[in-house]
């Protein structure tokens, strides 16, 4: 097989096309990688801003709910029942409150000074009698301060929870 010799004109055109194609390939590849890096950095920045915004909204909601729990703890009816040790009358009150605040919570409970759940509005049969004396929020409430407990597993259901608690 014999390779046909290209004319000088064809050789120059072919060489020019190869040079242009290589330059376009190089510039295109460089542009693609630079664009990908810029888009990745923009995405990271936006994700961080979204995460910070969501974190702030969650913090505001938790603080608002902690104020609600603190005001519930200062409710005269609840305080009188706790002082008298009449926890059974509080189950219905807690059930009403649970229905008012919504189903975002696993439950509403009152625990005694030993850390035993004594009244519960959602599922009293399952929760009354559970000891939470080892939990961070109980220890903080024992000192007379409202508390936001760290995420832990519920002793009643095994689901992850975090607790908002206020001393009565």
Protein backbone atom coordinates (compact mmCIF):
# COMPACT_ATOMS: atom_id res chain seq x y z
CA UNK A 1 0.00 0.00 0.00
CA UNK A 2 1.29 3.35 -0.97
CA UNK A 3 0.55 6.54 0.90
CA UNK A 4 -0.31 9.38 -1.37
CA UNK A 5 1.85 12.40 -0.89
CA UNK A 6 -0.03 15.49 0.17
CA UNK A 7 0.54 18.72 -1.60
CA UNK A 8 2.17 21.56 0.26
CA UNK A 9 -1.15 23.39 0.38
CA UNK A 10 -2.93 20.36 1.94
CA UNK A 11 -0.09 19.89 4.42
CA UNK A 12 -0.35 23.53 5.56
CA UNK A 13 -4.15 23.34 5.89
CA UNK A 14 -3.96 20.05 7.81
CA UNK A 15 -1.22 21.41 10.11
CA UNK A 16 -3.25 24.58 10.76
CA UNK A 17 -6.37 22.55 11.54
CA UNK A 18 -4.44 20.32 13.97
CA UNK A 19 -2.94 23.34 15.73
CA UNK A 20 -6.36 25.05 16.01
CA UNK A 21 -8.01 21.81 17.21
CA UNK A 22 -5.32 21.26 19.90
CA UNK A 23 -5.67 24.85 21.10
CA UNK A 24 -9.47 24.53 21.25
CA UNK A 25 -9.15 21.24 23.13
CA UNK A 26 -6.72 22.78 25.62
CA UNK A 27 -8.78 25.96 26.15
CA UNK A 28 -12.02 23.94 26.42
CA UNK A 29 -10.54 21.55 28.98
CA UNK A 30 -9.08 24.41 31.03
CA UNK A 31 -12.37 26.32 30.93
CA UNK A 32 -14.32 23.22 31.96
CA UNK A 33 -12.14 22.57 35.02
CA UNK A 34 -12.13 26.22 36.07
CA UNK A 35 -15.91 26.43 35.72
CA UNK A 36 -16.37 23.20 37.68
CA UNK A 37 -14.17 24.55 40.52
CA UNK A 38 -16.04 27.88 40.61
CA UNK A 39 -19.43 26.12 40.66
CA UNK A 40 -18.24 23.78 43.42
CA UNK A 41 -17.07 26.73 45.54
CA UNK A 42 -20.37 28.57 44.97
CA UNK A 43 -22.31 25.44 45.95
CA UNK A 44 -20.26 25.00 49.13
CA UNK A 45 -20.79 28.64 50.10
CA UNK A 46 -24.53 28.46 49.46
CA UNK A 47 -24.83 25.17 51.37
CA UNK A 48 -23.03 26.71 54.33
CA UNK A 49 -25.32 29.76 54.27
CA UNK A 50 -28.42 27.55 54.08
CA UNK A 51 -27.16 25.40 56.96
CA UNK A 52 -26.48 28.49 59.08
CA UNK A 53 -29.94 29.89 58.33
CA UNK A 54 -31.63 26.60 59.21
CA UNK A 55 -29.57 26.34 62.37
CA UNK A 56 -30.65 29.84 63.41
CA UNK A 57 -34.31 29.03 62.74
CA UNK A 58 -34.07 25.82 64.76
CA UNK A 59 -32.38 27.69 67.62
CA UNK A 60 -35.12 30.33 67.63
CA UNK A 61 -37.83 27.65 67.61
CA UNK A 62 -36.19 25.74 70.47
CA UNK A 63 -35.84 28.91 72.54
CA UNK A 64 -39.50 29.77 71.88
CA UNK A 65 -40.60 26.27 72.89
CA UNK A 66 -38.43 26.45 76.01
CA UNK A 67 -40.27 29.65 76.98
CA UNK A 68 -43.58 27.80 76.51
CA UNK A 69 -42.36 24.93 78.72
CA UNK A 70 -41.16 27.40 81.34
CA UNK A 71 -44.53 29.16 81.35
CA UNK A 72 -46.29 25.79 81.67
CA UNK A 73 -44.10 24.98 84.65
CA UNK A 74 -45.24 28.19 86.33
CA UNK A 75 -48.95 27.49 85.67
CA UNK A 76 -50.70 27.72 89.08
CA UNK A 77 -52.95 24.70 88.42
CA UNK A 78 -49.96 22.54 87.55
CA UNK A 79 -47.93 23.83 90.50
CA UNK A 80 -50.77 23.13 92.98
CA UNK A 81 -51.27 19.60 91.66
CA UNK A 82 -47.55 18.85 91.88
CA UNK A 83 -47.28 20.24 95.41
CA UNK A 84 -50.25 18.11 96.48
CA UNK A 85 -48.79 15.08 94.68
CA UNK A 86 -51.95 14.77 92.58
CA UNK A 87 -50.22 13.74 89.37
CA UNK A 88 -53.13 11.72 87.97
CA UNK A 89 -55.17 14.89 87.45
CA UNK A 90 -52.37 16.29 85.33
CA UNK A 91 -52.50 13.55 82.66
CA UNK A 92 -55.65 15.06 81.13
CA UNK A 93 -54.23 18.60 81.32
CA UNK A 94 -51.03 17.44 79.62
CA UNK A 95 -53.07 15.65 76.93
CA UNK A 96 -54.96 18.91 76.22
CA UNK A 97 -51.70 20.83 76.04
CA UNK A 98 -50.19 18.22 73.74
CA UNK A 99 -53.13 18.59 71.36
CA UNK A 100 -52.71 22.38 71.41
CA UNK A 101 -48.97 22.42 70.68
CA UNK A 102 -49.15 19.73 68.01
CA UNK A 103 -47.70 16.36 67.28
CA UNK A 104 -44.12 17.52 66.81
CA UNK A 105 -43.34 16.21 70.26
CA UNK A 106 -43.09 12.66 71.51
CA UNK A 107 -44.86 13.61 74.70
CA UNK A 108 -45.38 16.00 77.58
CA UNK A 109 -44.43 14.71 81.00
CA UNK A 110 -43.94 15.82 84.58
CA UNK A 111 -41.29 14.10 86.64
CA UNK A 112 -40.91 14.19 90.39
CA UNK A 113 -37.89 15.28 92.42
CA UNK A 114 -36.40 11.76 92.13
CA UNK A 115 -36.55 11.81 88.32
CA UNK A 116 -39.49 9.44 87.94
CA UNK A 117 -42.10 10.37 85.34
CA UNK A 118 -45.29 10.88 87.35
CA UNK A 119 -47.67 12.39 84.78
CA UNK A 120 -47.72 12.09 81.00
CA UNK A 121 -50.23 13.36 78.47
CA UNK A 122 -49.66 11.16 75.42
CA UNK A 123 -49.09 7.61 76.62
CA UNK A 124 -49.24 7.49 80.44
CA UNK A 125 -49.36 3.69 80.66
CA UNK A 126 -46.08 3.37 78.78
CA UNK A 127 -44.20 6.29 80.32
CA UNK A 128 -45.26 6.79 83.94
CA UNK A 129 -42.69 5.23 86.22
CA UNK A 130 -39.70 5.62 83.87
CA UNK A 131 -36.66 7.05 85.64
CA UNK A 132 -34.86 9.91 83.95
CA UNK A 133 -32.67 10.73 86.94
CA UNK A 134 -29.52 10.07 84.93
CA UNK A 135 -30.39 12.51 82.16
CA UNK A 136 -28.67 15.88 81.77
CA UNK A 137 -31.92 17.85 81.65
CA UNK A 138 -33.11 16.35 84.96
CA UNK A 139 -29.87 17.32 86.69
CA UNK A 140 -30.14 20.87 85.32
CA UNK A 141 -33.79 21.17 86.41
CA UNK A 142 -32.80 19.88 89.85
CA UNK A 143 -30.64 23.01 90.11
CA UNK A 144 -33.73 25.15 89.36
CA UNK A 145 -32.84 26.02 85.77
CA UNK A 146 -34.65 25.27 82.49
CA UNK A 147 -32.78 22.81 80.30
CA UNK A 148 -32.38 21.64 76.74
CA UNK A 149 -31.17 18.07 76.84
CA UNK A 150 -28.79 16.63 74.27
CA UNK A 151 -30.19 14.21 71.70
CA UNK A 152 -30.59 10.77 73.26
CA UNK A 153 -32.76 7.71 72.84
CA UNK A 154 -36.20 7.78 74.42
CA UNK A 155 -36.56 5.30 77.25
CA UNK A 156 -40.20 4.80 76.23
CA UNK A 157 -39.88 4.31 72.45
CA UNK A 158 -36.18 4.07 71.62
CA UNK A 159 -36.52 6.95 69.14
CA UNK A 160 -34.00 9.80 69.13
CA UNK A 161 -35.30 12.77 71.14
CA UNK A 162 -34.13 15.92 72.78
CA UNK A 163 -35.93 17.30 75.78
CA UNK A 164 -37.00 20.77 76.81
CA UNK A 165 -37.50 20.85 80.58
CA UNK A 166 -38.29 23.44 83.21
CA UNK A 167 -38.48 23.07 86.97
CA UNK A 168 -41.88 23.41 88.63
